[in-house]
N, C-alpha and C. Protein backbone atom coordinates (compact mmCIF):
# COMPACT_ATOMS: atom_id res chain seq x y z
N MET A 1 24.66 9.71 2.57
CA MET A 1 23.66 9.76 3.64
C MET A 1 24.26 9.14 4.90
N SER A 2 24.85 9.97 5.74
CA SER A 2 25.54 9.47 6.93
C SER A 2 24.60 9.33 8.12
N LYS A 3 23.59 10.17 8.21
CA LYS A 3 22.66 10.12 9.33
C LYS A 3 21.63 9.01 9.14
N PHE A 4 21.08 8.53 10.25
CA PHE A 4 19.97 7.58 10.18
C PHE A 4 18.70 8.38 9.91
N HIS A 5 17.89 7.91 8.97
CA HIS A 5 16.67 8.63 8.59
C HIS A 5 15.44 7.77 8.84
N VAL A 6 14.32 8.44 9.04
CA VAL A 6 13.04 7.77 9.23
C VAL A 6 12.07 8.30 8.17
N PHE A 7 11.60 7.40 7.31
CA PHE A 7 10.68 7.77 6.24
C PHE A 7 9.33 7.08 6.43
N CYS A 8 8.28 7.77 6.05
CA CYS A 8 6.92 7.21 6.10
C CYS A 8 6.33 7.28 4.69
N ILE A 9 5.87 6.16 4.18
CA ILE A 9 5.23 6.12 2.87
C ILE A 9 3.72 6.13 3.10
N ILE A 10 3.07 7.20 2.66
CA ILE A 10 1.64 7.37 2.87
C ILE A 10 0.93 7.42 1.53
N GLY A 11 -0.23 6.80 1.44
CA GLY A 11 -1.02 6.84 0.21
C GLY A 11 -2.27 6.01 0.36
N LYS A 12 -3.22 6.25 -0.51
CA LYS A 12 -4.46 5.48 -0.50
C LYS A 12 -4.17 4.01 -0.81
N SER A 13 -5.09 3.16 -0.45
CA SER A 13 -4.99 1.75 -0.86
C SER A 13 -4.89 1.71 -2.38
N GLY A 14 -3.94 0.94 -2.89
CA GLY A 14 -3.78 0.84 -4.34
C GLY A 14 -2.84 1.86 -4.94
N SER A 15 -2.24 2.70 -4.11
CA SER A 15 -1.36 3.76 -4.65
C SER A 15 0.02 3.24 -5.03
N GLY A 16 0.34 2.02 -4.64
CA GLY A 16 1.64 1.45 -5.00
C GLY A 16 2.73 1.74 -3.99
N LYS A 17 2.33 1.89 -2.74
CA LYS A 17 3.31 2.18 -1.68
C LYS A 17 4.39 1.11 -1.60
N GLY A 18 3.96 -0.15 -1.59
CA GLY A 18 4.91 -1.25 -1.44
C GLY A 18 5.94 -1.31 -2.55
N THR A 19 5.49 -1.07 -3.78
CA THR A 19 6.40 -1.08 -4.93
C THR A 19 7.46 0.00 -4.80
N GLN A 20 7.03 1.19 -4.39
CA GLN A 20 7.96 2.31 -4.25
C GLN A 20 8.93 2.09 -3.09
N VAL A 21 8.45 1.44 -2.03
CA VAL A 21 9.33 1.13 -0.90
C VAL A 21 10.46 0.20 -1.35
N GLU A 22 10.12 -0.82 -2.13
CA GLU A 22 11.14 -1.76 -2.59
C GLU A 22 12.20 -1.07 -3.44
N LEU A 23 11.78 -0.14 -4.27
CA LEU A 23 12.72 0.62 -5.09
C LEU A 23 13.57 1.54 -4.22
N LEU A 24 12.94 2.13 -3.22
CA LEU A 24 13.66 3.03 -2.31
C LEU A 24 14.71 2.27 -1.50
N LYS A 25 14.37 1.07 -1.07
CA LYS A 25 15.31 0.25 -0.30
C LYS A 25 16.57 -0.07 -1.11
N LYS A 26 16.40 -0.30 -2.40
CA LYS A 26 17.55 -0.59 -3.26
C LYS A 26 18.48 0.62 -3.35
N LYS A 27 17.90 1.80 -3.32
CA LYS A 27 18.69 3.04 -3.39
C LYS A 27 19.40 3.33 -2.07
N LEU A 28 18.70 3.12 -0.98
CA LEU A 28 19.23 3.49 0.33
C LEU A 28 20.23 2.49 0.88
N GLY A 29 20.06 1.22 0.55
CA GLY A 29 20.88 0.18 1.16
C GLY A 29 20.12 -0.49 2.29
N LYS A 30 20.81 -0.90 3.31
CA LYS A 30 20.20 -1.64 4.41
C LYS A 30 19.20 -0.78 5.17
N THR A 31 17.96 -1.27 5.27
CA THR A 31 16.90 -0.51 5.93
C THR A 31 16.07 -1.41 6.84
N LYS A 32 15.37 -0.78 7.76
CA LYS A 32 14.39 -1.48 8.59
C LYS A 32 13.02 -1.12 8.03
N HIS A 33 12.32 -2.10 7.48
CA HIS A 33 11.06 -1.88 6.79
C HIS A 33 9.91 -2.35 7.68
N ILE A 34 9.06 -1.42 8.06
CA ILE A 34 7.94 -1.74 8.95
C ILE A 34 6.64 -1.54 8.18
N ILE A 35 5.93 -2.64 7.94
CA ILE A 35 4.70 -2.62 7.14
C ILE A 35 3.50 -2.79 8.06
N ASN A 36 2.67 -1.78 8.12
CA ASN A 36 1.52 -1.82 9.01
C ASN A 36 0.63 -3.04 8.75
N GLY A 37 0.38 -3.31 7.47
CA GLY A 37 -0.48 -4.44 7.11
C GLY A 37 0.09 -5.77 7.56
N ASP A 38 1.40 -5.94 7.42
CA ASP A 38 2.05 -7.19 7.85
C ASP A 38 1.95 -7.38 9.35
N LEU A 39 2.08 -6.28 10.10
CA LEU A 39 1.98 -6.37 11.56
C LEU A 39 0.59 -6.85 11.96
N PHE A 40 -0.43 -6.34 11.28
CA PHE A 40 -1.80 -6.77 11.59
C PHE A 40 -2.04 -8.21 11.17
N ARG A 41 -1.51 -8.60 10.01
CA ARG A 41 -1.71 -9.97 9.56
C ARG A 41 -1.07 -10.97 10.52
N ALA A 42 0.08 -10.61 11.06
CA ALA A 42 0.73 -11.48 12.05
C ALA A 42 -0.05 -11.49 13.36
N PHE A 43 -0.58 -10.33 13.72
CA PHE A 43 -1.30 -10.22 14.99
C PHE A 43 -2.58 -11.05 14.99
N ILE A 44 -3.34 -11.01 13.88
CA ILE A 44 -4.63 -11.71 13.87
C ILE A 44 -4.47 -13.23 13.81
N LYS A 45 -3.25 -13.70 13.62
CA LYS A 45 -3.00 -15.15 13.68
C LYS A 45 -2.87 -15.64 15.12
N LEU A 46 -2.70 -14.70 16.05
CA LEU A 46 -2.59 -15.09 17.46
C LEU A 46 -3.94 -15.59 17.97
N ASP A 47 -3.89 -16.45 18.95
CA ASP A 47 -5.13 -17.04 19.48
C ASP A 47 -5.53 -16.36 20.78
N ASN A 48 -6.10 -15.15 20.65
CA ASN A 48 -6.63 -14.47 21.84
C ASN A 48 -7.85 -13.65 21.45
N LEU A 49 -8.52 -13.12 22.43
CA LEU A 49 -9.78 -12.41 22.19
C LEU A 49 -9.59 -11.20 21.28
N LEU A 50 -8.55 -10.41 21.54
CA LEU A 50 -8.32 -9.20 20.75
C LEU A 50 -7.97 -9.53 19.30
N SER A 51 -7.13 -10.55 19.10
CA SER A 51 -6.74 -10.91 17.74
C SER A 51 -7.93 -11.44 16.95
N LYS A 52 -8.79 -12.21 17.60
CA LYS A 52 -9.97 -12.76 16.93
C LYS A 52 -10.95 -11.65 16.54
N LYS A 53 -11.13 -10.70 17.43
CA LYS A 53 -12.04 -9.58 17.15
C LYS A 53 -11.48 -8.73 16.02
N THR A 54 -10.16 -8.50 16.06
CA THR A 54 -9.51 -7.70 15.02
C THR A 54 -9.60 -8.39 13.67
N LYS A 55 -9.43 -9.70 13.64
CA LYS A 55 -9.54 -10.46 12.40
C LYS A 55 -10.93 -10.31 11.80
N LYS A 56 -11.93 -10.37 12.63
CA LYS A 56 -13.31 -10.23 12.16
C LYS A 56 -13.53 -8.85 11.54
N VAL A 57 -13.00 -7.83 12.18
CA VAL A 57 -13.14 -6.45 11.69
C VAL A 57 -12.43 -6.28 10.35
N VAL A 58 -11.18 -6.75 10.28
CA VAL A 58 -10.37 -6.60 9.07
C VAL A 58 -10.98 -7.36 7.90
N ASN A 59 -11.43 -8.59 8.12
CA ASN A 59 -11.99 -9.41 7.05
C ASN A 59 -13.31 -8.87 6.51
N SER A 60 -13.97 -8.04 7.31
CA SER A 60 -15.24 -7.45 6.86
C SER A 60 -15.02 -6.09 6.19
N GLY A 61 -13.74 -5.71 6.03
CA GLY A 61 -13.43 -4.44 5.38
C GLY A 61 -13.39 -3.27 6.34
N GLY A 62 -13.51 -3.55 7.63
CA GLY A 62 -13.48 -2.50 8.64
C GLY A 62 -12.07 -2.10 9.01
N LEU A 63 -11.98 -1.13 9.90
CA LEU A 63 -10.67 -0.61 10.33
C LEU A 63 -10.42 -0.97 11.79
N PRO A 64 -9.29 -1.57 12.08
CA PRO A 64 -8.96 -1.88 13.47
C PRO A 64 -8.70 -0.60 14.25
N PRO A 65 -8.75 -0.65 15.57
CA PRO A 65 -8.57 0.57 16.37
C PRO A 65 -7.19 1.19 16.20
N ALA A 66 -7.16 2.52 16.23
CA ALA A 66 -5.91 3.25 16.01
C ALA A 66 -4.88 2.93 17.09
N TRP A 67 -5.34 2.75 18.32
CA TRP A 67 -4.40 2.49 19.42
C TRP A 67 -3.67 1.16 19.22
N LEU A 68 -4.35 0.19 18.59
CA LEU A 68 -3.71 -1.10 18.34
C LEU A 68 -2.63 -0.96 17.27
N SER A 69 -2.96 -0.20 16.23
CA SER A 69 -1.97 0.06 15.18
C SER A 69 -0.73 0.72 15.75
N ALA A 70 -0.94 1.73 16.59
CA ALA A 70 0.19 2.46 17.19
C ALA A 70 1.02 1.54 18.08
N TYR A 71 0.34 0.68 18.82
CA TYR A 71 1.06 -0.26 19.69
C TYR A 71 1.94 -1.20 18.88
N LEU A 72 1.40 -1.72 17.77
CA LEU A 72 2.13 -2.70 16.96
C LEU A 72 3.37 -2.08 16.32
N TRP A 73 3.21 -0.89 15.71
CA TRP A 73 4.38 -0.33 15.03
C TRP A 73 5.41 0.21 16.01
N GLN A 74 4.97 0.71 17.17
CA GLN A 74 5.94 1.16 18.17
C GLN A 74 6.76 -0.01 18.71
N THR A 75 6.08 -1.13 18.96
CA THR A 75 6.76 -2.32 19.45
C THR A 75 7.82 -2.79 18.45
N GLU A 76 7.46 -2.77 17.17
CA GLU A 76 8.38 -3.20 16.12
C GLU A 76 9.54 -2.21 15.96
N PHE A 77 9.24 -0.94 16.02
CA PHE A 77 10.26 0.10 15.83
C PHE A 77 11.31 0.08 16.94
N LEU A 78 10.87 -0.26 18.14
CA LEU A 78 11.77 -0.22 19.29
C LEU A 78 12.64 -1.47 19.44
N LYS A 79 12.43 -2.45 18.55
CA LYS A 79 13.32 -3.61 18.55
C LYS A 79 14.71 -3.17 18.09
N PRO A 80 15.77 -3.85 18.55
CA PRO A 80 17.13 -3.45 18.18
C PRO A 80 17.32 -3.35 16.67
N ILE A 81 18.00 -2.31 16.23
CA ILE A 81 18.29 -2.09 14.82
C ILE A 81 19.72 -2.54 14.55
N SER A 82 19.90 -3.43 13.59
CA SER A 82 21.22 -4.01 13.32
C SER A 82 22.19 -2.97 12.76
N ALA A 83 23.47 -3.21 12.98
CA ALA A 83 24.52 -2.29 12.55
C ALA A 83 24.50 -2.12 11.03
N GLY A 84 24.77 -0.92 10.59
CA GLY A 84 24.82 -0.64 9.16
C GLY A 84 23.50 -0.26 8.54
N THR A 85 22.43 -0.27 9.33
CA THR A 85 21.11 0.10 8.82
C THR A 85 21.07 1.60 8.55
N LYS A 86 20.64 1.97 7.36
CA LYS A 86 20.66 3.37 6.93
C LYS A 86 19.40 4.14 7.29
N ALA A 87 18.28 3.43 7.35
CA ALA A 87 17.01 4.14 7.57
C ALA A 87 15.93 3.17 8.01
N ALA A 88 14.88 3.73 8.58
CA ALA A 88 13.66 2.98 8.86
C ALA A 88 12.59 3.50 7.91
N ILE A 89 11.86 2.59 7.29
CA ILE A 89 10.79 2.98 6.37
C ILE A 89 9.48 2.41 6.88
N PHE A 90 8.54 3.29 7.18
CA PHE A 90 7.21 2.88 7.62
C PHE A 90 6.27 2.90 6.42
N GLU A 91 5.61 1.79 6.18
CA GLU A 91 4.66 1.69 5.06
C GLU A 91 3.24 1.64 5.61
N GLY A 92 2.47 2.70 5.34
CA GLY A 92 1.09 2.76 5.83
C GLY A 92 0.95 3.34 7.22
N THR A 93 2.00 3.91 7.77
CA THR A 93 2.01 4.51 9.10
C THR A 93 2.92 5.74 9.04
N PRO A 94 2.58 6.82 9.75
CA PRO A 94 1.42 7.03 10.62
C PRO A 94 0.16 7.38 9.81
N ARG A 95 -0.97 7.12 10.43
CA ARG A 95 -2.24 7.39 9.77
C ARG A 95 -3.00 8.56 10.40
N ARG A 96 -2.54 8.97 11.55
CA ARG A 96 -3.20 10.07 12.25
C ARG A 96 -2.14 11.01 12.81
N ILE A 97 -2.54 12.26 13.05
CA ILE A 97 -1.58 13.27 13.49
C ILE A 97 -0.91 12.87 14.80
N TRP A 98 -1.69 12.31 15.72
CA TRP A 98 -1.10 11.95 17.01
C TRP A 98 -0.08 10.82 16.86
N GLU A 99 -0.28 9.96 15.86
CA GLU A 99 0.71 8.92 15.60
C GLU A 99 2.00 9.54 15.05
N ALA A 100 1.84 10.54 14.19
CA ALA A 100 3.01 11.24 13.64
C ALA A 100 3.79 11.92 14.76
N ASP A 101 3.07 12.48 15.72
CA ASP A 101 3.72 13.12 16.87
C ASP A 101 4.54 12.10 17.67
N ILE A 102 3.94 10.93 17.90
CA ILE A 102 4.65 9.88 18.64
C ILE A 102 5.89 9.42 17.88
N LEU A 103 5.72 9.20 16.57
CA LEU A 103 6.84 8.76 15.74
C LEU A 103 7.97 9.79 15.78
N ASP A 104 7.61 11.06 15.71
CA ASP A 104 8.63 12.11 15.77
C ASP A 104 9.34 12.13 17.12
N ASP A 105 8.58 11.94 18.18
CA ASP A 105 9.18 11.92 19.52
C ASP A 105 10.19 10.78 19.66
N VAL A 106 9.78 9.59 19.19
CA VAL A 106 10.66 8.42 19.28
C VAL A 106 11.90 8.61 18.40
N SER A 107 11.68 9.09 17.16
CA SER A 107 12.78 9.28 16.22
C SER A 107 13.77 10.33 16.73
N ASP A 108 13.22 11.39 17.30
CA ASP A 108 14.07 12.46 17.83
C ASP A 108 14.88 11.96 19.02
N TYR A 109 14.25 11.17 19.87
CA TYR A 109 14.91 10.65 21.06
C TYR A 109 16.03 9.67 20.71
N LEU A 110 15.75 8.79 19.74
CA LEU A 110 16.72 7.75 19.38
C LEU A 110 17.79 8.23 18.41
N PHE A 111 17.39 9.03 17.42
CA PHE A 111 18.30 9.34 16.31
C PHE A 111 18.52 10.83 16.06
N ASP A 112 17.92 11.69 16.90
CA ASP A 112 18.00 13.14 16.67
C ASP A 112 17.49 13.52 15.28
N GLN A 113 16.48 12.78 14.83
CA GLN A 113 15.89 13.02 13.51
C GLN A 113 14.37 12.98 13.61
N ARG A 114 13.72 13.82 12.82
CA ARG A 114 12.27 13.77 12.70
C ARG A 114 11.92 13.03 11.41
N SER A 115 10.75 12.41 11.38
CA SER A 115 10.35 11.63 10.21
C SER A 115 10.01 12.52 9.02
N VAL A 116 10.22 11.98 7.83
CA VAL A 116 9.86 12.62 6.57
C VAL A 116 8.81 11.75 5.89
N ALA A 117 7.70 12.36 5.46
CA ALA A 117 6.62 11.61 4.82
C ALA A 117 6.73 11.71 3.30
N ILE A 118 6.52 10.58 2.64
CA ILE A 118 6.46 10.52 1.19
C ILE A 118 5.02 10.17 0.82
N TYR A 119 4.33 11.10 0.19
CA TYR A 119 2.91 10.92 -0.12
C TYR A 119 2.76 10.52 -1.58
N ILE A 120 2.34 9.28 -1.83
CA ILE A 120 2.07 8.78 -3.18
C ILE A 120 0.62 9.11 -3.50
N ASP A 121 0.40 10.14 -4.29
CA ASP A 121 -0.93 10.71 -4.49
C ASP A 121 -1.61 10.15 -5.74
N ILE A 122 -2.78 9.53 -5.55
CA ILE A 122 -3.63 9.12 -6.67
C ILE A 122 -5.06 9.55 -6.36
N SER A 123 -5.88 9.70 -7.40
CA SER A 123 -7.27 10.11 -7.23
C SER A 123 -8.11 8.96 -6.69
N ASP A 124 -9.28 9.29 -6.17
CA ASP A 124 -10.20 8.24 -5.72
C ASP A 124 -10.59 7.33 -6.88
N LYS A 125 -10.80 7.92 -8.05
CA LYS A 125 -11.19 7.14 -9.23
C LYS A 125 -10.11 6.13 -9.58
N GLU A 126 -8.86 6.58 -9.58
CA GLU A 126 -7.74 5.69 -9.90
C GLU A 126 -7.60 4.59 -8.85
N ALA A 127 -7.75 4.97 -7.59
CA ALA A 127 -7.64 3.99 -6.50
C ALA A 127 -8.71 2.91 -6.64
N LYS A 128 -9.93 3.32 -6.92
CA LYS A 128 -11.03 2.36 -7.06
C LYS A 128 -10.78 1.41 -8.22
N GLN A 129 -10.35 1.96 -9.36
CA GLN A 129 -10.07 1.12 -10.54
C GLN A 129 -9.00 0.08 -10.24
N ARG A 130 -7.98 0.50 -9.55
CA ARG A 130 -6.88 -0.42 -9.22
C ARG A 130 -7.32 -1.49 -8.23
N LEU A 131 -8.07 -1.08 -7.22
CA LEU A 131 -8.45 -2.02 -6.16
C LEU A 131 -9.45 -3.06 -6.64
N LEU A 132 -10.31 -2.68 -7.57
CA LEU A 132 -11.32 -3.63 -8.07
C LEU A 132 -10.69 -4.77 -8.87
N ILE A 133 -9.49 -4.53 -9.40
CA ILE A 133 -8.82 -5.60 -10.16
C ILE A 133 -7.61 -6.16 -9.41
N ARG A 134 -7.36 -5.64 -8.20
CA ARG A 134 -6.14 -6.03 -7.48
C ARG A 134 -6.12 -7.53 -7.15
N LEU A 135 -4.95 -8.12 -7.32
CA LEU A 135 -4.71 -9.51 -6.94
C LEU A 135 -3.52 -9.54 -5.99
N VAL A 136 -3.54 -10.47 -5.06
CA VAL A 136 -2.43 -10.60 -4.11
C VAL A 136 -2.00 -12.06 -4.01
N CYS A 137 -0.81 -12.25 -3.48
CA CYS A 137 -0.30 -13.60 -3.27
C CYS A 137 -0.94 -14.21 -2.03
N LYS A 138 -1.38 -15.45 -2.13
CA LYS A 138 -1.98 -16.13 -0.98
C LYS A 138 -0.97 -16.34 0.14
N LYS A 139 0.29 -16.47 -0.24
CA LYS A 139 1.33 -16.80 0.74
C LYS A 139 1.97 -15.56 1.38
N CYS A 140 2.58 -14.71 0.56
CA CYS A 140 3.32 -13.56 1.10
C CYS A 140 2.49 -12.28 1.14
N LYS A 141 1.30 -12.32 0.51
CA LYS A 141 0.35 -11.19 0.51
C LYS A 141 0.81 -9.99 -0.30
N GLN A 142 1.91 -10.15 -1.06
CA GLN A 142 2.36 -9.07 -1.92
C GLN A 142 1.35 -8.88 -3.06
N PRO A 143 1.03 -7.62 -3.41
CA PRO A 143 0.13 -7.39 -4.54
C PRO A 143 0.81 -7.69 -5.86
N VAL A 144 0.04 -8.17 -6.81
CA VAL A 144 0.55 -8.41 -8.15
C VAL A 144 0.69 -7.05 -8.85
N PRO A 145 1.84 -6.74 -9.46
CA PRO A 145 1.97 -5.47 -10.20
C PRO A 145 0.85 -5.33 -11.22
N TYR A 146 0.29 -4.12 -11.33
CA TYR A 146 -0.90 -3.93 -12.16
C TYR A 146 -0.68 -4.29 -13.63
N LYS A 147 0.52 -4.07 -14.12
CA LYS A 147 0.79 -4.41 -15.52
C LYS A 147 0.75 -5.92 -15.76
N LEU A 148 0.99 -6.71 -14.70
CA LEU A 148 0.99 -8.17 -14.84
C LEU A 148 -0.41 -8.76 -14.72
N ILE A 149 -1.33 -8.02 -14.13
CA ILE A 149 -2.69 -8.54 -13.92
C ILE A 149 -3.34 -8.91 -15.25
N LYS A 150 -3.09 -8.09 -16.28
CA LYS A 150 -3.67 -8.36 -17.60
C LYS A 150 -3.18 -9.68 -18.19
N LEU A 151 -2.05 -10.16 -17.71
CA LEU A 151 -1.49 -11.42 -18.21
C LEU A 151 -2.06 -12.63 -17.49
N ASN A 152 -2.99 -12.37 -16.54
CA ASN A 152 -3.64 -13.44 -15.78
C ASN A 152 -2.63 -14.38 -15.11
N PRO A 153 -1.78 -13.84 -14.25
CA PRO A 153 -0.73 -14.66 -13.62
C PRO A 153 -1.32 -15.72 -12.69
N LYS A 154 -0.65 -16.84 -12.58
CA LYS A 154 -1.09 -17.93 -11.71
C LYS A 154 -0.23 -18.04 -10.46
N LYS A 155 0.99 -17.48 -10.54
CA LYS A 155 1.91 -17.57 -9.40
C LYS A 155 2.49 -16.19 -9.08
N CYS A 156 2.83 -16.01 -7.82
CA CYS A 156 3.44 -14.77 -7.34
C CYS A 156 4.87 -14.64 -7.88
N SER A 157 5.21 -13.47 -8.39
CA SER A 157 6.56 -13.25 -8.92
C SER A 157 7.59 -13.09 -7.81
N PHE A 158 7.12 -12.91 -6.56
CA PHE A 158 8.04 -12.74 -5.43
C PHE A 158 8.41 -14.08 -4.79
N CYS A 159 7.37 -14.93 -4.52
CA CYS A 159 7.65 -16.17 -3.78
C CYS A 159 7.12 -17.43 -4.46
N GLY A 160 6.38 -17.27 -5.55
CA GLY A 160 5.85 -18.43 -6.25
C GLY A 160 4.53 -18.94 -5.72
N GLY A 161 3.95 -18.23 -4.74
CA GLY A 161 2.67 -18.64 -4.17
C GLY A 161 1.51 -18.43 -5.12
N GLY A 162 0.35 -18.99 -4.77
CA GLY A 162 -0.84 -18.82 -5.59
C GLY A 162 -1.39 -17.41 -5.51
N ILE A 163 -2.28 -17.08 -6.46
CA ILE A 163 -2.84 -15.73 -6.56
C ILE A 163 -4.32 -15.74 -6.18
N GLU A 164 -4.75 -14.68 -5.50
CA GLU A 164 -6.15 -14.55 -5.13
C GLU A 164 -6.56 -13.09 -5.08
N LYS A 165 -7.86 -12.85 -5.03
CA LYS A 165 -8.38 -11.49 -4.84
C LYS A 165 -8.64 -11.28 -3.36
N ARG A 166 -8.29 -10.10 -2.84
CA ARG A 166 -8.52 -9.83 -1.43
C ARG A 166 -10.01 -9.76 -1.12
N LYS A 167 -10.40 -10.32 0.01
CA LYS A 167 -11.81 -10.37 0.39
C LYS A 167 -12.40 -8.98 0.60
N ASP A 168 -11.56 -8.03 1.02
CA ASP A 168 -12.07 -6.70 1.33
C ASP A 168 -11.93 -5.71 0.17
N ASP A 169 -11.70 -6.23 -1.05
CA ASP A 169 -11.61 -5.34 -2.20
C ASP A 169 -12.92 -5.32 -2.99
N ASP A 170 -14.05 -5.16 -2.27
CA ASP A 170 -15.33 -4.95 -2.93
C ASP A 170 -15.67 -3.46 -2.86
N GLU A 171 -16.66 -3.02 -3.63
CA GLU A 171 -16.95 -1.59 -3.77
C GLU A 171 -17.28 -0.93 -2.43
N GLN A 172 -18.06 -1.60 -1.61
CA GLN A 172 -18.45 -1.02 -0.33
C GLN A 172 -17.24 -0.81 0.59
N ALA A 173 -16.39 -1.82 0.67
CA ALA A 173 -15.20 -1.72 1.52
C ALA A 173 -14.22 -0.68 0.98
N ILE A 174 -14.10 -0.61 -0.34
CA ILE A 174 -13.20 0.37 -0.96
C ILE A 174 -13.66 1.78 -0.65
N LEU A 175 -14.97 2.03 -0.79
CA LEU A 175 -15.53 3.35 -0.49
C LEU A 175 -15.27 3.73 0.96
N LYS A 176 -15.41 2.76 1.84
CA LYS A 176 -15.18 3.00 3.27
C LYS A 176 -13.73 3.41 3.52
N ARG A 177 -12.79 2.72 2.85
CA ARG A 177 -11.37 3.04 3.04
C ARG A 177 -11.01 4.40 2.47
N LEU A 178 -11.61 4.75 1.32
CA LEU A 178 -11.32 6.05 0.72
C LEU A 178 -11.88 7.19 1.56
N THR A 179 -13.07 6.98 2.12
CA THR A 179 -13.66 8.00 3.00
C THR A 179 -12.81 8.18 4.24
N TRP A 180 -12.38 7.07 4.82
CA TRP A 180 -11.52 7.11 6.00
C TRP A 180 -10.21 7.82 5.71
N PHE A 181 -9.65 7.60 4.51
CA PHE A 181 -8.39 8.25 4.14
C PHE A 181 -8.55 9.77 4.17
N LYS A 182 -9.67 10.25 3.64
CA LYS A 182 -9.91 11.70 3.61
C LYS A 182 -10.04 12.28 5.01
N THR A 183 -10.78 11.58 5.86
CA THR A 183 -11.07 12.14 7.18
C THR A 183 -9.93 11.97 8.17
N ASP A 184 -9.18 10.87 8.07
CA ASP A 184 -8.15 10.57 9.06
C ASP A 184 -6.72 10.78 8.57
N VAL A 185 -6.44 10.34 7.35
CA VAL A 185 -5.05 10.34 6.89
C VAL A 185 -4.63 11.65 6.23
N LEU A 186 -5.50 12.26 5.44
CA LEU A 186 -5.13 13.51 4.77
C LEU A 186 -4.70 14.61 5.75
N PRO A 187 -5.35 14.73 6.92
CA PRO A 187 -4.85 15.71 7.89
C PRO A 187 -3.40 15.44 8.31
N THR A 188 -3.02 14.16 8.32
CA THR A 188 -1.63 13.81 8.65
C THR A 188 -0.69 14.26 7.54
N VAL A 189 -1.13 14.12 6.28
CA VAL A 189 -0.35 14.61 5.15
C VAL A 189 -0.14 16.12 5.28
N GLU A 190 -1.22 16.84 5.65
CA GLU A 190 -1.13 18.29 5.84
C GLU A 190 -0.20 18.63 7.00
N TYR A 191 -0.20 17.80 8.01
CA TYR A 191 0.70 17.99 9.16
C TYR A 191 2.15 18.01 8.70
N TYR A 192 2.51 17.02 7.89
CA TYR A 192 3.89 16.95 7.39
C TYR A 192 4.20 18.11 6.45
N LYS A 193 3.21 18.52 5.66
CA LYS A 193 3.40 19.63 4.73
C LYS A 193 3.70 20.92 5.50
N LYS A 194 2.93 21.18 6.55
CA LYS A 194 3.13 22.39 7.36
C LYS A 194 4.47 22.36 8.08
N LYS A 195 4.93 21.17 8.41
CA LYS A 195 6.22 21.03 9.09
C LYS A 195 7.40 21.12 8.12
N GLY A 196 7.08 21.14 6.81
CA GLY A 196 8.15 21.18 5.81
C GLY A 196 8.85 19.85 5.62
N ARG A 197 8.13 18.76 5.93
CA ARG A 197 8.74 17.42 5.85
C ARG A 197 7.89 16.48 5.01
N LEU A 198 7.39 17.00 3.88
CA LEU A 198 6.55 16.20 2.99
C LEU A 198 7.15 16.16 1.59
N VAL A 199 7.25 14.95 1.04
CA VAL A 199 7.63 14.75 -0.36
C VAL A 199 6.38 14.28 -1.09
N HIS A 200 5.84 15.13 -1.95
CA HIS A 200 4.56 14.87 -2.64
C HIS A 200 4.86 14.34 -4.04
N VAL A 201 4.34 13.14 -4.34
CA VAL A 201 4.66 12.48 -5.61
C VAL A 201 3.38 12.10 -6.34
N ASN A 202 3.37 12.30 -7.65
CA ASN A 202 2.25 11.90 -8.49
C ASN A 202 2.30 10.39 -8.70
N GLY A 203 1.38 9.66 -8.08
CA GLY A 203 1.38 8.21 -8.13
C GLY A 203 0.67 7.60 -9.33
N GLU A 204 0.15 8.44 -10.25
CA GLU A 204 -0.59 7.93 -11.40
C GLU A 204 0.29 7.76 -12.63
N GLN A 205 1.57 7.99 -12.48
CA GLN A 205 2.52 7.76 -13.57
C GLN A 205 2.91 6.28 -13.59
N ASP A 206 3.63 5.88 -14.63
CA ASP A 206 4.20 4.53 -14.64
C ASP A 206 5.16 4.39 -13.47
N VAL A 207 5.31 3.17 -12.98
CA VAL A 207 6.12 2.91 -11.78
C VAL A 207 7.51 3.56 -11.84
N PRO A 208 8.27 3.39 -12.94
CA PRO A 208 9.61 4.00 -12.97
C PRO A 208 9.58 5.52 -12.85
N LEU A 209 8.54 6.14 -13.43
CA LEU A 209 8.44 7.60 -13.38
C LEU A 209 8.04 8.08 -11.99
N VAL A 210 7.20 7.29 -11.31
CA VAL A 210 6.85 7.62 -9.93
C VAL A 210 8.11 7.64 -9.08
N PHE A 211 8.92 6.61 -9.23
CA PHE A 211 10.14 6.55 -8.41
C PHE A 211 11.15 7.61 -8.82
N LYS A 212 11.22 7.91 -10.10
CA LYS A 212 12.14 8.96 -10.56
C LYS A 212 11.81 10.28 -9.87
N GLU A 213 10.52 10.62 -9.82
CA GLU A 213 10.09 11.85 -9.15
C GLU A 213 10.36 11.77 -7.65
N LEU A 214 10.03 10.62 -7.06
CA LEU A 214 10.24 10.42 -5.62
C LEU A 214 11.71 10.62 -5.25
N TRP A 215 12.59 9.94 -5.97
CA TRP A 215 14.01 9.98 -5.61
C TRP A 215 14.62 11.35 -5.90
N SER A 216 14.17 11.99 -6.97
CA SER A 216 14.67 13.33 -7.29
C SER A 216 14.37 14.30 -6.16
N LYS A 217 13.15 14.25 -5.64
CA LYS A 217 12.76 15.16 -4.56
C LYS A 217 13.39 14.76 -3.22
N LEU A 218 13.44 13.47 -2.96
CA LEU A 218 13.97 13.00 -1.67
C LEU A 218 15.49 13.19 -1.58
N SER A 219 16.19 12.91 -2.66
CA SER A 219 17.66 13.02 -2.63
C SER A 219 18.10 14.46 -2.39
N LYS A 220 17.35 15.42 -2.90
CA LYS A 220 17.67 16.83 -2.64
C LYS A 220 17.55 17.14 -1.16
N ARG A 221 16.55 16.55 -0.54
CA ARG A 221 16.34 16.75 0.90
C ARG A 221 17.48 16.10 1.70
N LEU A 222 17.92 14.94 1.27
CA LEU A 222 18.99 14.23 1.99
C LEU A 222 20.32 14.97 1.90
N LYS A 223 20.51 15.70 0.80
CA LYS A 223 21.77 16.44 0.61
C LYS A 223 21.79 17.76 1.37
N SER A 224 20.59 18.27 1.69
CA SER A 224 20.51 19.59 2.33
C SER A 224 20.88 19.55 3.80
């Protein structure tokens, strides 16, 4: 893989996007990983009117404005990329067609490449089941792997931090996110499909099998 590539990992909450990104990074080598959720978590720690309002919205299970999301990831993407970096991986972005258009414009301008979307597909039923039992690290906010939840872990396997349940993982907030995914994000998935730049993966398999399918399909694209 000699060219610089731009990948987007798209999927419902609970689809395991973060887990697959970590596996993909090991395969690709040095990458620039841009996580939409992390950008927002850092932003709401700022002491200003917009950050305080956004924090209130996010903590209540609501969705922050699309223009703010686009501003945050564009700002991060345009920061200097260190030598030897093989790819940029966006986790949870783009979420709307116009964001995908912007990402393609920037990628084309900087790297003569258009973004490729990897869609980790799970049903609403599966997403709800996963989210209702989801646990995350209090410190690094990484989700606890679902197979470990049954073991009732007390510490994060990534950083050793304490474990908690996310405040916005209640049934009402989950339903709101799933509805939003259908109305806003699925059209973006279709956008990539029509452009011939979509890798569709069954996310309801065991983690190793999900990645096996992902890498099998993606590596063929990288070789072409």
